[in-house]
Amino acid sequence: MFHFLQLGFLYLYFPEDKTEYIPVVIELLALIGVCVLLFRWLIKKSNKDAEKAREIETKVMQAKKEQLEKDSTQS
């Protein structure tokens, strides 16, 4: 019934000489390191952008409050 699943296992390669795994492990560790650095950079960038958004929001709300006070005193 699931014969199509068995095709992938026919082409797997498991070397007898285990030293062939060394470059693969080095590449895997390098990619994990790049992923960790990228993730940390994204978190820092996101926090900076959130802080900028808070500052802009504060300025807009302050301007809106001042405009409402100005309009209420003119009436």
N, C-alpha and C. Protein backbone atom coordinates (compact mmCIF):
# COMPACT_ATOMS: atom_id res chain seq x y z
N MET A 1 0.82 -1.19 0.00
CA MET A 1 0.00 0.00 0.00
C MET A 1 0.86 1.26 0.00
N PHE A 2 1.89 1.30 0.86
CA PHE A 2 2.75 2.47 0.94
C PHE A 2 4.12 2.19 0.32
N HIS A 3 4.12 1.65 -0.87
CA HIS A 3 5.38 1.31 -1.53
C HIS A 3 6.17 2.55 -1.91
N PHE A 4 5.51 3.67 -2.13
CA PHE A 4 6.21 4.90 -2.52
C PHE A 4 7.08 5.43 -1.37
N LEU A 5 6.76 5.08 -0.12
CA LEU A 5 7.56 5.52 1.01
C LEU A 5 8.89 4.77 1.09
N GLN A 6 8.94 3.57 0.56
CA GLN A 6 10.14 2.75 0.64
C GLN A 6 11.20 3.19 -0.37
N LEU A 7 10.83 3.95 -1.36
CA LEU A 7 11.80 4.34 -2.39
C LEU A 7 12.89 5.24 -1.82
N GLY A 8 12.56 6.11 -0.88
CA GLY A 8 13.55 7.00 -0.31
C GLY A 8 14.63 6.26 0.45
N PHE A 9 14.32 5.15 1.05
CA PHE A 9 15.30 4.41 1.82
C PHE A 9 16.26 3.61 0.95
N LEU A 10 15.93 3.42 -0.30
CA LEU A 10 16.81 2.68 -1.19
C LEU A 10 18.08 3.46 -1.50
N TYR A 11 18.02 4.80 -1.45
CA TYR A 11 19.13 5.62 -1.87
C TYR A 11 19.91 6.22 -0.70
N LEU A 12 19.65 5.78 0.52
CA LEU A 12 20.40 6.27 1.66
C LEU A 12 21.81 5.71 1.64
N TYR A 13 22.76 6.54 2.06
CA TYR A 13 24.16 6.13 2.06
C TYR A 13 24.70 6.24 3.48
N PHE A 14 25.12 5.12 4.03
CA PHE A 14 25.74 5.09 5.35
C PHE A 14 27.17 4.59 5.17
N PRO A 15 28.14 5.50 5.23
CA PRO A 15 29.52 5.08 4.94
C PRO A 15 30.10 4.20 6.05
N GLU A 16 30.96 3.30 5.65
CA GLU A 16 31.67 2.46 6.62
C GLU A 16 32.71 3.29 7.36
N ASP A 17 33.38 4.19 6.64
CA ASP A 17 34.38 5.08 7.24
C ASP A 17 33.66 6.27 7.86
N LYS A 18 33.61 6.30 9.18
CA LYS A 18 32.84 7.32 9.89
C LYS A 18 33.47 8.70 9.81
N THR A 19 34.72 8.82 9.31
CA THR A 19 35.34 10.13 9.17
C THR A 19 34.66 10.95 8.07
N GLU A 20 33.87 10.32 7.25
CA GLU A 20 33.13 11.05 6.22
C GLU A 20 32.02 11.90 6.82
N TYR A 21 31.68 11.65 8.07
CA TYR A 21 30.66 12.45 8.75
C TYR A 21 31.21 13.79 9.25
N ILE A 22 32.53 13.92 9.40
CA ILE A 22 33.13 15.11 9.98
C ILE A 22 32.75 16.39 9.21
N PRO A 23 32.88 16.45 7.87
CA PRO A 23 32.49 17.67 7.17
C PRO A 23 31.00 18.00 7.32
N VAL A 24 30.20 16.98 7.40
CA VAL A 24 28.76 17.19 7.55
C VAL A 24 28.45 17.79 8.91
N VAL A 25 29.10 17.29 9.93
CA VAL A 25 28.88 17.81 11.29
C VAL A 25 29.38 19.25 11.38
N ILE A 26 30.53 19.55 10.78
CA ILE A 26 31.05 20.91 10.78
C ILE A 26 30.08 21.85 10.07
N GLU A 27 29.56 21.43 8.93
CA GLU A 27 28.60 22.25 8.20
C GLU A 27 27.32 22.45 9.02
N LEU A 28 26.85 21.40 9.65
CA LEU A 28 25.65 21.51 10.48
C LEU A 28 25.86 22.49 11.63
N LEU A 29 27.00 22.40 12.31
CA LEU A 29 27.29 23.32 13.41
C LEU A 29 27.40 24.76 12.92
N ALA A 30 28.01 24.95 11.74
CA ALA A 30 28.12 26.29 11.18
C ALA A 30 26.74 26.86 10.86
N LEU A 31 25.88 26.05 10.27
CA LEU A 31 24.54 26.52 9.94
C LEU A 31 23.72 26.81 11.19
N ILE A 32 23.87 25.99 12.22
CA ILE A 32 23.17 26.26 13.48
C ILE A 32 23.67 27.57 14.08
N GLY A 33 24.98 27.80 14.01
CA GLY A 33 25.54 29.06 14.52
C GLY A 33 25.00 30.26 13.77
N VAL A 34 24.93 30.16 12.45
CA VAL A 34 24.38 31.26 11.64
C VAL A 34 22.91 31.48 12.00
N CYS A 35 22.17 30.42 12.19
CA CYS A 35 20.75 30.55 12.55
C CYS A 35 20.59 31.22 13.91
N VAL A 36 21.43 30.87 14.87
CA VAL A 36 21.35 31.49 16.20
C VAL A 36 21.68 32.97 16.11
N LEU A 37 22.73 33.32 15.38
CA LEU A 37 23.09 34.73 15.22
C LEU A 37 21.99 35.51 14.52
N LEU A 38 21.41 34.93 13.48
CA LEU A 38 20.34 35.60 12.76
C LEU A 38 19.12 35.80 13.66
N PHE A 39 18.79 34.80 14.44
CA PHE A 39 17.64 34.88 15.34
C PHE A 39 17.85 35.97 16.38
N ARG A 40 19.07 36.03 16.96
CA ARG A 40 19.37 37.07 17.95
C ARG A 40 19.30 38.46 17.32
N TRP A 41 19.82 38.59 16.09
CA TRP A 41 19.77 39.88 15.39
C TRP A 41 18.33 40.30 15.13
N LEU A 42 17.48 39.36 14.73
CA LEU A 42 16.08 39.67 14.48
C LEU A 42 15.37 40.12 15.76
N ILE A 43 15.68 39.49 16.88
CA ILE A 43 15.07 39.88 18.15
C ILE A 43 15.50 41.30 18.52
N LYS A 44 16.79 41.61 18.40
CA LYS A 44 17.28 42.96 18.71
C LYS A 44 16.64 43.99 17.80
N LYS A 45 16.57 43.69 16.51
CA LYS A 45 15.97 44.62 15.54
C LYS A 45 14.50 44.83 15.86
N SER A 46 13.81 43.79 16.21
CA SER A 46 12.39 43.88 16.54
C SER A 46 12.19 44.75 17.78
N ASN A 47 13.04 44.58 18.78
CA ASN A 47 12.93 45.40 19.99
C ASN A 47 13.19 46.87 19.69
N LYS A 48 14.17 47.15 18.84
CA LYS A 48 14.45 48.55 18.47
C LYS A 48 13.27 49.14 17.71
N ASP A 49 12.71 48.39 16.78
CA ASP A 49 11.55 48.87 16.01
C ASP A 49 10.35 49.09 16.92
N ALA A 50 10.16 48.23 17.89
CA ALA A 50 9.05 48.39 18.83
C ALA A 50 9.23 49.65 19.66
N GLU A 51 10.46 49.93 20.08
CA GLU A 51 10.73 51.15 20.85
C GLU A 51 10.47 52.39 20.00
N LYS A 52 10.88 52.38 18.74
CA LYS A 52 10.61 53.50 17.84
C LYS A 52 9.11 53.70 17.68
N ALA A 53 8.39 52.60 17.54
CA ALA A 53 6.93 52.68 17.38
C ALA A 53 6.29 53.27 18.63
N ARG A 54 6.78 52.88 19.82
CA ARG A 54 6.26 53.45 21.07
C ARG A 54 6.51 54.95 21.14
N GLU A 55 7.69 55.38 20.72
CA GLU A 55 8.01 56.82 20.73
C GLU A 55 7.09 57.59 19.78
N ILE A 56 6.90 57.05 18.59
CA ILE A 56 6.01 57.71 17.63
C ILE A 56 4.59 57.75 18.16
N GLU A 57 4.14 56.65 18.75
CA GLU A 57 2.80 56.61 19.31
C GLU A 57 2.63 57.64 20.42
N THR A 58 3.64 57.78 21.26
CA THR A 58 3.59 58.76 22.34
C THR A 58 3.50 60.17 21.78
N LYS A 59 4.30 60.47 20.76
CA LYS A 59 4.26 61.80 20.14
C LYS A 59 2.90 62.08 19.51
N VAL A 60 2.34 61.10 18.83
CA VAL A 60 1.03 61.28 18.19
C VAL A 60 -0.06 61.49 19.23
N MET A 61 -0.02 60.68 20.28
CA MET A 61 -1.04 60.82 21.33
C MET A 61 -0.90 62.16 22.04
N GLN A 62 0.31 62.63 22.26
CA GLN A 62 0.53 63.93 22.90
C GLN A 62 0.01 65.05 22.00
N ALA A 63 0.29 64.97 20.70
CA ALA A 63 -0.19 65.98 19.76
C ALA A 63 -1.73 65.98 19.71
N LYS A 64 -2.32 64.79 19.72
CA LYS A 64 -3.78 64.68 19.70
C LYS A 64 -4.37 65.28 20.97
N LYS A 65 -3.74 65.01 22.11
CA LYS A 65 -4.22 65.55 23.39
C LYS A 65 -4.14 67.08 23.39
N GLU A 66 -3.02 67.60 22.89
CA GLU A 66 -2.86 69.05 22.81
C GLU A 66 -3.90 69.67 21.89
N GLN A 67 -4.17 69.01 20.77
CA GLN A 67 -5.17 69.52 19.82
C GLN A 67 -6.56 69.52 20.45
N LEU A 68 -6.90 68.48 21.20
CA LEU A 68 -8.20 68.43 21.87
C LEU A 68 -8.31 69.52 22.94
N GLU A 69 -7.24 69.75 23.69
CA GLU A 69 -7.25 70.80 24.70
C GLU A 69 -7.39 72.18 24.04
N LYS A 70 -6.72 72.36 22.94
CA LYS A 70 -6.79 73.64 22.20
C LYS A 70 -8.21 73.85 21.68
N ASP A 71 -8.80 72.81 21.14
CA ASP A 71 -10.17 72.94 20.62
C ASP A 71 -11.18 73.19 21.74
N SER A 72 -10.98 72.56 22.89
CA SER A 72 -11.92 72.73 24.00
C SER A 72 -11.80 74.12 24.62
N THR A 73 -10.62 74.72 24.61
CA THR A 73 -10.48 76.06 25.18
C THR A 73 -10.99 77.13 24.23
N GLN A 74 -11.02 76.84 22.94
CA GLN A 74 -11.52 77.81 21.96
C GLN A 74 -13.04 77.84 21.95
N SER A 75 -13.67 76.80 22.35
CA SER A 75 -15.14 76.73 22.29
C SER A 75 -15.80 77.48 23.38
